[in-house]
């Protein structure tokens, strides 16, 4: 069986979205099958790229140049879910990247179980949204997308705890805040396919945020650090925008993130973008 870190690098170096997610799901199935059989597969080491391979399209633009999405029209809703597909594809890479980039930090095998499962689910999410786009006569790559999605990975490329703080506990937690509103947009238009896809994403993203919180707190315990103070310090260091309410406090709590983690950052964090 290929060492897990090498699996992760293989996914990161695959450009096409459908091919990337197919490989991601294949490797995840191999890992989970081995673990279910009671094996402890090799983690190994890898040399991940600074940025993951990407298809020629979509065109990547600075955030300020991406056209605004107006979900009142069908084209606006296509643009909204095209943006979701882009987020999900980046999430696939982010979850494999944390495996490939930090194997030098000894972690329990459960850490790898969690992130392989998260990468597998993000791959499923990307495909669900692509299926919806294609059913509407569009596809991933048909519209421009946000060029700044990989910045959090670049900023935390040498900081394991920073990666856990910013990616699952800030960026993915934001998904818990905004997804219910997106579901309501599609509910108003009776779009059952979109609703089913977004409800799957919403339910499973709670787990991904929870994985981040669990392992962040684990490392804080290992280093005898206060988790709240450490989180505030790392977010101030690496996150380049304000945390914006309203917050989905119920789902954030379910994922293990209490209000004293994020509310103190909501107004005081400077914009350094």
C-alpha atoms as a PDB file:
ATOM      1  CA  UNK A   1       0.000   0.000   0.000  1.00  0.00           C
ATOM      2  CA  UNK A   2       1.320   3.454  -0.915  1.00  0.00           C
ATOM      3  CA  UNK A   3       2.369   5.467   2.175  1.00  0.00           C
ATOM      4  CA  UNK A   4      -0.313   7.978   3.124  1.00  0.00           C
ATOM      5  CA  UNK A   5       1.842  11.082   2.675  1.00  0.00           C
ATOM      6  CA  UNK A   6       2.663   9.972  -0.874  1.00  0.00           C
ATOM      7  CA  UNK A   7      -1.045   9.434  -1.549  1.00  0.00           C
ATOM      8  CA  UNK A   8      -1.609  12.994  -0.405  1.00  0.00           C
ATOM      9  CA  UNK A   9       1.097  14.337  -2.705  1.00  0.00           C
ATOM     10  CA  UNK A  10      -0.365  12.401  -5.649  1.00  0.00           C
ATOM     11  CA  UNK A  11      -3.736  14.074  -5.098  1.00  0.00           C
ATOM     12  CA  UNK A  12      -2.144  17.506  -4.785  1.00  0.00           C
ATOM     13  CA  UNK A  13      -0.304  17.021  -8.095  1.00  0.00           C
ATOM     14  CA  UNK A  14      -3.460  15.998 -10.010  1.00  0.00           C
ATOM     15  CA  UNK A  15      -4.923  18.974 -11.879  1.00  0.00           C
ATOM     16  CA  UNK A  16      -8.371  18.035 -13.207  1.00  0.00           C
ATOM     17  CA  UNK A  17     -11.079  18.389 -10.574  1.00  0.00           C
ATOM     18  CA  UNK A  18     -12.944  15.174 -11.381  1.00  0.00           C
ATOM     19  CA  UNK A  19      -9.660  13.217 -11.651  1.00  0.00           C
ATOM     20  CA  UNK A  20      -8.357  14.732  -8.410  1.00  0.00           C
ATOM     21  CA  UNK A  21     -11.474  13.786  -6.483  1.00  0.00           C
ATOM     22  CA  UNK A  22     -11.592  10.288  -8.024  1.00  0.00           C
ATOM     23  CA  UNK A  23      -8.012   9.679  -6.885  1.00  0.00           C
ATOM     24  CA  UNK A  24      -8.804  11.203  -3.488  1.00  0.00           C
ATOM     25  CA  UNK A  25     -11.746   8.851  -2.993  1.00  0.00           C
ATOM     26  CA  UNK A  26      -9.756   5.828  -4.229  1.00  0.00           C
ATOM     27  CA  UNK A  27      -6.931   6.480  -1.775  1.00  0.00           C
ATOM     28  CA  UNK A  28      -9.357   7.224   1.061  1.00  0.00           C
ATOM     29  CA  UNK A  29     -11.131   3.916   0.436  1.00  0.00           C
ATOM     30  CA  UNK A  30      -7.793   2.059   0.519  1.00  0.00           C
ATOM     31  CA  UNK A  31      -6.817   3.737   3.794  1.00  0.00           C
ATOM     32  CA  UNK A  32     -10.182   3.155   5.451  1.00  0.00           C
ATOM     33  CA  UNK A  33     -10.294  -0.469   4.311  1.00  0.00           C
ATOM     34  CA  UNK A  34      -6.862  -1.117   5.803  1.00  0.00           C
ATOM     35  CA  UNK A  35      -7.830   0.572   9.054  1.00  0.00           C
ATOM     36  CA  UNK A  36     -11.088  -1.401   9.260  1.00  0.00           C
ATOM     37  CA  UNK A  37      -8.978  -4.571   8.945  1.00  0.00           C
ATOM     38  CA  UNK A  38      -6.981  -3.477  11.981  1.00  0.00           C
ATOM     39  CA  UNK A  39      -3.881  -2.417  10.058  1.00  0.00           C
ATOM     40  CA  UNK A  40      -1.728   0.607  10.811  1.00  0.00           C
ATOM     41  CA  UNK A  41      -0.526   1.706   7.360  1.00  0.00           C
ATOM     42  CA  UNK A  42       2.679   3.651   6.876  1.00  0.00           C
ATOM     43  CA  UNK A  43       2.393   7.457   6.976  1.00  0.00           C
ATOM     44  CA  UNK A  44       5.715   8.080   5.235  1.00  0.00           C
ATOM     45  CA  UNK A  45       6.993  11.418   3.949  1.00  0.00           C
ATOM     46  CA  UNK A  46       6.281  13.557   0.913  1.00  0.00           C
ATOM     47  CA  UNK A  47       7.364  16.699  -0.903  1.00  0.00           C
ATOM     48  CA  UNK A  48       4.085  18.522  -1.483  1.00  0.00           C
ATOM     49  CA  UNK A  49       3.986  21.370  -4.019  1.00  0.00           C
ATOM     50  CA  UNK A  50       3.710  24.931  -2.754  1.00  0.00           C
ATOM     51  CA  UNK A  51       0.390  25.133  -4.619  1.00  0.00           C
ATOM     52  CA  UNK A  52      -1.742  22.225  -5.821  1.00  0.00           C
ATOM     53  CA  UNK A  53      -2.123  21.424  -9.494  1.00  0.00           C
ATOM     54  CA  UNK A  54      -5.167  23.136 -10.997  1.00  0.00           C
ATOM     55  CA  UNK A  55      -7.078  22.848 -14.291  1.00  0.00           C
ATOM     56  CA  UNK A  56      -6.674  25.597 -16.903  1.00  0.00           C
ATOM     57  CA  UNK A  57     -10.147  26.855 -15.994  1.00  0.00           C
ATOM     58  CA  UNK A  58     -11.589  28.526 -13.989  1.00  0.00           C
ATOM     59  CA  UNK A  59      -9.745  31.786 -14.449  1.00  0.00           C
ATOM     60  CA  UNK A  60      -8.526  32.834 -11.004  1.00  0.00           C
ATOM     61  CA  UNK A  61      -9.063  36.495 -10.136  1.00  0.00           C
ATOM     62  CA  UNK A  62      -8.271  38.696  -7.142  1.00  0.00           C
ATOM     63  CA  UNK A  63     -11.219  38.555  -4.718  1.00  0.00           C
ATOM     64  CA  UNK A  64     -12.288  42.131  -5.509  1.00  0.00           C
ATOM     65  CA  UNK A  65     -12.522  41.304  -9.231  1.00  0.00           C
ATOM     66  CA  UNK A  66     -14.808  38.260  -8.947  1.00  0.00           C
ATOM     67  CA  UNK A  67     -18.285  39.301 -10.188  1.00  0.00           C
ATOM     68  CA  UNK A  68     -20.938  39.580  -7.493  1.00  0.00           C
ATOM     69  CA  UNK A  69     -23.383  36.691  -7.290  1.00  0.00           C
ATOM     70  CA  UNK A  70     -27.092  37.611  -7.407  1.00  0.00           C
ATOM     71  CA  UNK A  71     -28.972  34.425  -6.495  1.00  0.00           C
ATOM     72  CA  UNK A  72     -32.364  35.791  -7.521  1.00  0.00           C
ATOM     73  CA  UNK A  73     -31.718  34.600 -11.096  1.00  0.00           C
ATOM     74  CA  UNK A  74     -30.810  31.145 -12.339  1.00  0.00           C
ATOM     75  CA  UNK A  75     -27.455  32.444 -13.581  1.00  0.00           C
ATOM     76  CA  UNK A  76     -26.867  33.940 -10.163  1.00  0.00           C
ATOM     77  CA  UNK A  77     -27.562  30.610  -8.505  1.00  0.00           C
ATOM     78  CA  UNK A  78     -25.210  28.890 -10.946  1.00  0.00           C
ATOM     79  CA  UNK A  79     -22.536  31.423  -9.986  1.00  0.00           C
ATOM     80  CA  UNK A  80     -23.215  30.791  -6.287  1.00  0.00           C
ATOM     81  CA  UNK A  81     -22.768  27.028  -6.567  1.00  0.00           C
ATOM     82  CA  UNK A  82     -19.803  27.425  -8.917  1.00  0.00           C
ATOM     83  CA  UNK A  83     -18.154  29.311  -6.047  1.00  0.00           C
ATOM     84  CA  UNK A  84     -19.093  26.457  -3.689  1.00  0.00           C
ATOM     85  CA  UNK A  85     -17.505  23.931  -6.059  1.00  0.00           C
ATOM     86  CA  UNK A  86     -14.310  25.992  -6.023  1.00  0.00           C
ATOM     87  CA  UNK A  87     -14.316  26.049  -2.231  1.00  0.00           C
ATOM     88  CA  UNK A  88     -14.856  22.292  -2.056  1.00  0.00           C
ATOM     89  CA  UNK A  89     -12.017  21.550  -4.485  1.00  0.00           C
ATOM     90  CA  UNK A  90      -9.683  23.710  -2.432  1.00  0.00           C
ATOM     91  CA  UNK A  91     -10.863  21.871   0.683  1.00  0.00           C
ATOM     92  CA  UNK A  92      -9.886  18.540  -0.880  1.00  0.00           C
ATOM     93  CA  UNK A  93      -6.359  19.868  -1.369  1.00  0.00           C
ATOM     94  CA  UNK A  94      -6.211  21.501   2.047  1.00  0.00           C
ATOM     95  CA  UNK A  95      -7.087  18.254   3.801  1.00  0.00           C
ATOM     96  CA  UNK A  96      -4.557  16.190   1.864  1.00  0.00           C
ATOM     97  CA  UNK A  97      -1.965  18.955   2.241  1.00  0.00           C
ATOM     98  CA  UNK A  98      -2.076  18.839   6.044  1.00  0.00           C
ATOM     99  CA  UNK A  99      -1.216  15.120   5.784  1.00  0.00           C
ATOM    100  CA  UNK A 100       1.579  15.643   3.257  1.00  0.00           C
ATOM    101  CA  UNK A 101       3.094  18.767   4.810  1.00  0.00           C
ATOM    102  CA  UNK A 102       3.362  17.882   8.512  1.00  0.00           C
ATOM    103  CA  UNK A 103       4.264  14.185   8.834  1.00  0.00           C
ATOM    104  CA  UNK A 104       7.271  15.174  10.933  1.00  0.00           C
ATOM    105  CA  UNK A 105       4.970  16.012  13.834  1.00  0.00           C
ATOM    106  CA  UNK A 106       4.105  12.736  15.590  1.00  0.00           C
ATOM    107  CA  UNK A 107       0.334  12.356  15.804  1.00  0.00           C
ATOM    108  CA  UNK A 108      -1.994   9.529  16.844  1.00  0.00           C
ATOM    109  CA  UNK A 109      -3.306   7.383  14.011  1.00  0.00           C
ATOM    110  CA  UNK A 110      -6.763   8.854  14.650  1.00  0.00           C
ATOM    111  CA  UNK A 111      -5.553  12.193  13.300  1.00  0.00           C
ATOM    112  CA  UNK A 112      -4.928  10.622   9.909  1.00  0.00           C
ATOM    113  CA  UNK A 113      -8.230   8.730  10.035  1.00  0.00           C
ATOM    114  CA  UNK A 114     -10.057  12.027  10.532  1.00  0.00           C
ATOM    115  CA  UNK A 115      -8.340  13.946   7.744  1.00  0.00           C
ATOM    116  CA  UNK A 116      -8.610  11.130   5.223  1.00  0.00           C
ATOM    117  CA  UNK A 117     -12.337  10.965   5.968  1.00  0.00           C
ATOM    118  CA  UNK A 118     -12.624  14.753   5.636  1.00  0.00           C
ATOM    119  CA  UNK A 119     -10.791  14.717   2.286  1.00  0.00           C
ATOM    120  CA  UNK A 120     -13.049  11.937   1.059  1.00  0.00           C
ATOM    121  CA  UNK A 121     -16.167  13.861   2.035  1.00  0.00           C
ATOM    122  CA  UNK A 122     -14.924  17.084   0.443  1.00  0.00           C
ATOM    123  CA  UNK A 123     -14.339  15.108  -2.759  1.00  0.00           C
ATOM    124  CA  UNK A 124     -17.925  13.897  -2.602  1.00  0.00           C
ATOM    125  CA  UNK A 125     -19.118  17.476  -2.034  1.00  0.00           C
ATOM    126  CA  UNK A 126     -17.245  18.749  -5.089  1.00  0.00           C
ATOM    127  CA  UNK A 127     -18.803  16.058  -7.251  1.00  0.00           C
ATOM    128  CA  UNK A 128     -22.314  16.711  -5.931  1.00  0.00           C
ATOM    129  CA  UNK A 129     -22.027  20.388  -6.858  1.00  0.00           C
ATOM    130  CA  UNK A 130     -20.460  19.592 -10.240  1.00  0.00           C
ATOM    131  CA  UNK A 131     -23.345  17.218 -10.964  1.00  0.00           C
ATOM    132  CA  UNK A 132     -25.775  20.072 -10.221  1.00  0.00           C
ATOM    133  CA  UNK A 133     -23.850  22.512 -12.423  1.00  0.00           C
ATOM    134  CA  UNK A 134     -23.755  20.062 -15.303  1.00  0.00           C
ATOM    135  CA  UNK A 135     -27.484  19.357 -14.937  1.00  0.00           C
ATOM    136  CA  UNK A 136     -27.977  23.119 -15.483  1.00  0.00           C
ATOM    137  CA  UNK A 137     -25.839  23.171 -18.631  1.00  0.00           C
ATOM    138  CA  UNK A 138     -22.771  24.586 -16.869  1.00  0.00           C
ATOM    139  CA  UNK A 139     -19.623  23.072 -15.380  1.00  0.00           C
ATOM    140  CA  UNK A 140     -16.809  23.822 -12.957  1.00  0.00           C
ATOM    141  CA  UNK A 141     -14.470  26.210 -14.753  1.00  0.00           C
ATOM    142  CA  UNK A 142     -17.210  28.005 -16.688  1.00  0.00           C
ATOM    143  CA  UNK A 143     -16.932  31.095 -14.462  1.00  0.00           C
ATOM    144  CA  UNK A 144     -14.012  32.937 -12.845  1.00  0.00           C
ATOM    145  CA  UNK A 145     -13.137  32.070  -9.265  1.00  0.00           C
ATOM    146  CA  UNK A 146     -11.418  33.462  -6.190  1.00  0.00           C
ATOM    147  CA  UNK A 147      -7.600  33.388  -6.430  1.00  0.00           C
ATOM    148  CA  UNK A 148      -7.039  33.802  -2.711  1.00  0.00           C
ATOM    149  CA  UNK A 149      -8.311  30.408  -1.558  1.00  0.00           C
ATOM    150  CA  UNK A 150      -4.838  28.903  -1.101  1.00  0.00           C
ATOM    151  CA  UNK A 151      -3.468  31.833   0.897  1.00  0.00           C
ATOM    152  CA  UNK A 152      -4.253  30.232   4.249  1.00  0.00           C
ATOM    153  CA  UNK A 153      -2.229  27.180   3.235  1.00  0.00           C
ATOM    154  CA  UNK A 154       0.725  29.292   2.103  1.00  0.00           C
ATOM    155  CA  UNK A 155       0.688  31.374   5.283  1.00  0.00           C
ATOM    156  CA  UNK A 156       0.631  28.288   7.532  1.00  0.00           C
ATOM    157  CA  UNK A 157       2.941  26.067   5.482  1.00  0.00           C
ATOM    158  CA  UNK A 158       5.370  25.741   8.411  1.00  0.00           C
ATOM    159  CA  UNK A 159       2.928  26.097  11.305  1.00  0.00           C
ATOM    160  CA  UNK A 160       0.854  23.004  12.042  1.00  0.00           C
ATOM    161  CA  UNK A 161      -1.205  24.606  14.804  1.00  0.00           C
ATOM    162  CA  UNK A 162      -1.721  27.702  12.672  1.00  0.00           C
ATOM    163  CA  UNK A 163      -3.088  25.509   9.887  1.00  0.00           C
ATOM    164  CA  UNK A 164      -5.564  23.847  12.262  1.00  0.00           C
ATOM    165  CA  UNK A 165      -6.658  27.210  13.670  1.00  0.00           C
ATOM    166  CA  UNK A 166      -7.207  28.985  10.358  1.00  0.00           C
ATOM    167  CA  UNK A 167      -8.487  26.310   7.972  1.00  0.00           C
ATOM    168  CA  UNK A 168     -11.023  24.166   9.852  1.00  0.00           C
ATOM    169  CA  UNK A 169     -11.678  26.484  12.811  1.00  0.00           C
ATOM    170  CA  UNK A 170     -12.077  29.742  10.841  1.00  0.00           C
ATOM    171  CA  UNK A 171     -12.638  29.049   7.146  1.00  0.00           C
ATOM    172  CA  UNK A 172     -14.707  25.883   7.474  1.00  0.00           C
ATOM    173  CA  UNK A 173     -16.530  27.241  10.513  1.00  0.00           C
ATOM    174  CA  UNK A 174     -17.626  30.113   8.287  1.00  0.00           C
ATOM    175  CA  UNK A 175     -19.356  27.542   6.117  1.00  0.00           C
ATOM    176  CA  UNK A 176     -21.503  26.584   9.109  1.00  0.00           C
ATOM    177  CA  UNK A 177     -22.606  30.228   9.329  1.00  0.00           C
ATOM    178  CA  UNK A 178     -23.555  30.758   5.679  1.00  0.00           C
ATOM    179  CA  UNK A 179     -24.794  27.388   4.394  1.00  0.00           C
ATOM    180  CA  UNK A 180     -28.249  27.533   6.024  1.00  0.00           C
ATOM    181  CA  UNK A 181     -28.930  30.780   4.135  1.00  0.00           C
ATOM    182  CA  UNK A 182     -27.874  29.160   0.859  1.00  0.00           C
ATOM    183  CA  UNK A 183     -30.187  26.223   1.505  1.00  0.00           C
ATOM    184  CA  UNK A 184     -33.081  28.649   1.962  1.00  0.00           C
ATOM    185  CA  UNK A 185     -32.301  30.346  -1.368  1.00  0.00           C
ATOM    186  CA  UNK A 186     -32.678  27.049  -3.198  1.00  0.00           C
ATOM    187  CA  UNK A 187     -35.671  26.019  -1.102  1.00  0.00           C
ATOM    188  CA  UNK A 188     -37.500  29.137  -2.315  1.00  0.00           C
ATOM    189  CA  UNK A 189     -36.925  27.964  -5.882  1.00  0.00           C
ATOM    190  CA  UNK A 190     -37.887  24.342  -5.202  1.00  0.00           C
ATOM    191  CA  UNK A 191     -34.478  23.020  -6.241  1.00  0.00           C
ATOM    192  CA  UNK A 192     -34.371  19.649  -4.489  1.00  0.00           C
ATOM    193  CA  UNK A 193     -31.051  18.614  -6.055  1.00  0.00           C
ATOM    194  CA  UNK A 194     -29.263  21.685  -4.743  1.00  0.00           C
ATOM    195  CA  UNK A 195     -30.934  21.382  -1.333  1.00  0.00           C
ATOM    196  CA  UNK A 196     -29.840  17.748  -0.974  1.00  0.00           C
ATOM    197  CA  UNK A 197     -26.247  18.592  -1.923  1.00  0.00           C
ATOM    198  CA  UNK A 198     -26.026  21.569   0.433  1.00  0.00           C
ATOM    199  CA  UNK A 199     -27.640  19.690   3.331  1.00  0.00           C
ATOM    200  CA  UNK A 200     -25.060  16.918   2.916  1.00  0.00           C
ATOM    201  CA  UNK A 201     -22.268  19.492   2.935  1.00  0.00           C
ATOM    202  CA  UNK A 202     -23.724  21.257   5.981  1.00  0.00           C
ATOM    203  CA  UNK A 203     -24.006  18.059   8.040  1.00  0.00           C
ATOM    204  CA  UNK A 204     -20.522  16.824   7.209  1.00  0.00           C
ATOM    205  CA  UNK A 205     -18.741  20.173   7.570  1.00  0.00           C
ATOM    206  CA  UNK A 206     -19.625  20.127  11.270  1.00  0.00           C
ATOM    207  CA  UNK A 207     -17.394  17.062  11.579  1.00  0.00           C
ATOM    208  CA  UNK A 208     -14.539  18.726   9.716  1.00  0.00           C
ATOM    209  CA  UNK A 209     -14.619  21.737  12.023  1.00  0.00           C
ATOM    210  CA  UNK A 210     -14.757  19.336  14.960  1.00  0.00           C
ATOM    211  CA  UNK A 211     -11.646  17.518  13.722  1.00  0.00           C
ATOM    212  CA  UNK A 212      -9.805  20.819  13.671  1.00  0.00           C
ATOM    213  CA  UNK A 213     -10.955  21.719  17.170  1.00  0.00           C
ATOM    214  CA  UNK A 214     -10.129  18.257  18.552  1.00  0.00           C
ATOM    215  CA  UNK A 215      -6.574  18.158  17.243  1.00  0.00           C
ATOM    216  CA  UNK A 216      -5.902  21.827  17.972  1.00  0.00           C
ATOM    217  CA  UNK A 217      -6.844  21.219  21.592  1.00  0.00           C
ATOM    218  CA  UNK A 218      -4.781  18.026  21.606  1.00  0.00           C
ATOM    219  CA  UNK A 219      -1.669  19.961  20.544  1.00  0.00           C
ATOM    220  CA  UNK A 220      -2.386  22.726  23.043  1.00  0.00           C
ATOM    221  CA  UNK A 221      -2.439  20.050  25.757  1.00  0.00           C
ATOM    222  CA  UNK A 222       0.809  18.562  24.490  1.00  0.00           C
ATOM    223  CA  UNK A 223       2.503  21.983  24.675  1.00  0.00           C
ATOM    224  CA  UNK A 224       0.714  23.128  27.868  1.00  0.00           C
ATOM    225  CA  UNK A 225      -0.886  26.087  26.077  1.00  0.00           C
ATOM    226  CA  UNK A 226      -4.210  27.738  26.799  1.00  0.00           C
ATOM    227  CA  UNK A 227      -6.363  26.863  23.737  1.00  0.00           C
ATOM    228  CA  UNK A 228      -8.308  30.130  23.672  1.00  0.00           C
ATOM    229  CA  UNK A 229      -5.213  32.321  23.901  1.00  0.00           C
ATOM    230  CA  UNK A 230      -3.343  30.198  21.367  1.00  0.00           C
ATOM    231  CA  UNK A 231      -6.262  30.362  18.929  1.00  0.00           C
ATOM    232  CA  UNK A 232      -6.515  34.151  19.228  1.00  0.00           C
ATOM    233  CA  UNK A 233      -2.777  34.552  18.663  1.00  0.00           C
ATOM    234  CA  UNK A 234      -2.678  32.296  15.608  1.00  0.00           C
ATOM    235  CA  UNK A 235      -5.765  33.776  13.960  1.00  0.00           C
ATOM    236  CA  UNK A 236      -4.418  37.300  14.444  1.00  0.00           C
ATOM    237  CA  UNK A 237      -1.143  36.173  12.916  1.00  0.00           C
ATOM    238  CA  UNK A 238      -2.440  34.298   9.888  1.00  0.00           C
ATOM    239  CA  UNK A 239      -6.001  35.334   9.059  1.00  0.00           C
ATOM    240  CA  UNK A 240      -6.287  38.403   6.849  1.00  0.00           C
ATOM    241  CA  UNK A 241      -9.849  39.569   7.449  1.00  0.00           C
ATOM    242  CA  UNK A 242     -12.303  40.080  10.261  1.00  0.00           C
ATOM    243  CA  UNK A 243     -14.478  37.306  11.614  1.00  0.00           C
ATOM    244  CA  UNK A 244     -17.953  38.363  10.580  1.00  0.00           C
ATOM    245  CA  UNK A 245     -21.129  37.677  12.551  1.00  0.00           C
ATOM    246  CA  UNK A 246     -23.785  36.377  12.597  1.00  0.00           C
ATOM    247  CA  UNK A 247     -22.253  33.155  13.870  1.00  0.00           C
ATOM    248  CA  UNK A 248     -23.996  29.791  13.927  1.00  0.00           C
ATOM    249  CA  UNK A 249     -23.327  29.361  17.619  1.00  0.00           C
ATOM    250  CA  UNK A 250     -25.228  26.075  17.892  1.00  0.00           C
ATOM    251  CA  UNK A 251     -23.258  24.304  15.169  1.00  0.00           C
ATOM    252  CA  UNK A 252     -19.968  25.879  16.227  1.00  0.00           C
ATOM    253  CA  UNK A 253     -20.567  24.562  19.754  1.00  0.00           C
ATOM    254  CA  UNK A 254     -21.423  21.136  18.333  1.00  0.00           C
ATOM    255  CA  UNK A 255     -18.046  21.255  16.571  1.00  0.00           C
ATOM    256  CA  UNK A 256     -16.248  22.123  19.806  1.00  0.00           C
ATOM    257  CA  UNK A 257     -15.692  25.861  19.259  1.00  0.00           C
ATOM    258  CA  UNK A 258     -17.088  27.946  22.136  1.00  0.00           C
ATOM    259  CA  UNK A 259     -18.065  31.628  21.725  1.00  0.00           C
ATOM    260  CA  UNK A 260     -15.021  32.904  23.614  1.00  0.00           C
ATOM    261  CA  UNK A 261     -12.865  31.617  20.729  1.00  0.00           C
ATOM    262  CA  UNK A 262     -14.405  33.744  17.992  1.00  0.00           C
ATOM    263  CA  UNK A 263     -16.398  36.656  19.448  1.00  0.00           C
ATOM    264  CA  UNK A 264     -13.299  38.501  20.760  1.00  0.00           C
ATOM    265  CA  UNK A 265     -11.907  38.415  17.203  1.00  0.00           C
ATOM    266  CA  UNK A 266     -15.052  39.602  15.448  1.00  0.00           C
ATOM    267  CA  UNK A 267     -14.470  43.350  15.840  1.00  0.00           C
ATOM    268  CA  UNK A 268     -10.852  43.732  16.849  1.00  0.00           C
ATOM    269  CA  UNK A 269      -9.000  41.862  14.111  1.00  0.00           C
ATOM    270  CA  UNK A 270      -7.286  44.265  11.678  1.00  0.00           C
ATOM    271  CA  UNK A 271      -7.728  43.839   7.938  1.00  0.00           C
ATOM    272  CA  UNK A 272      -4.273  43.084   6.536  1.00  0.00           C
ATOM    273  CA  UNK A 273      -5.305  41.920   3.091  1.00  0.00           C
END
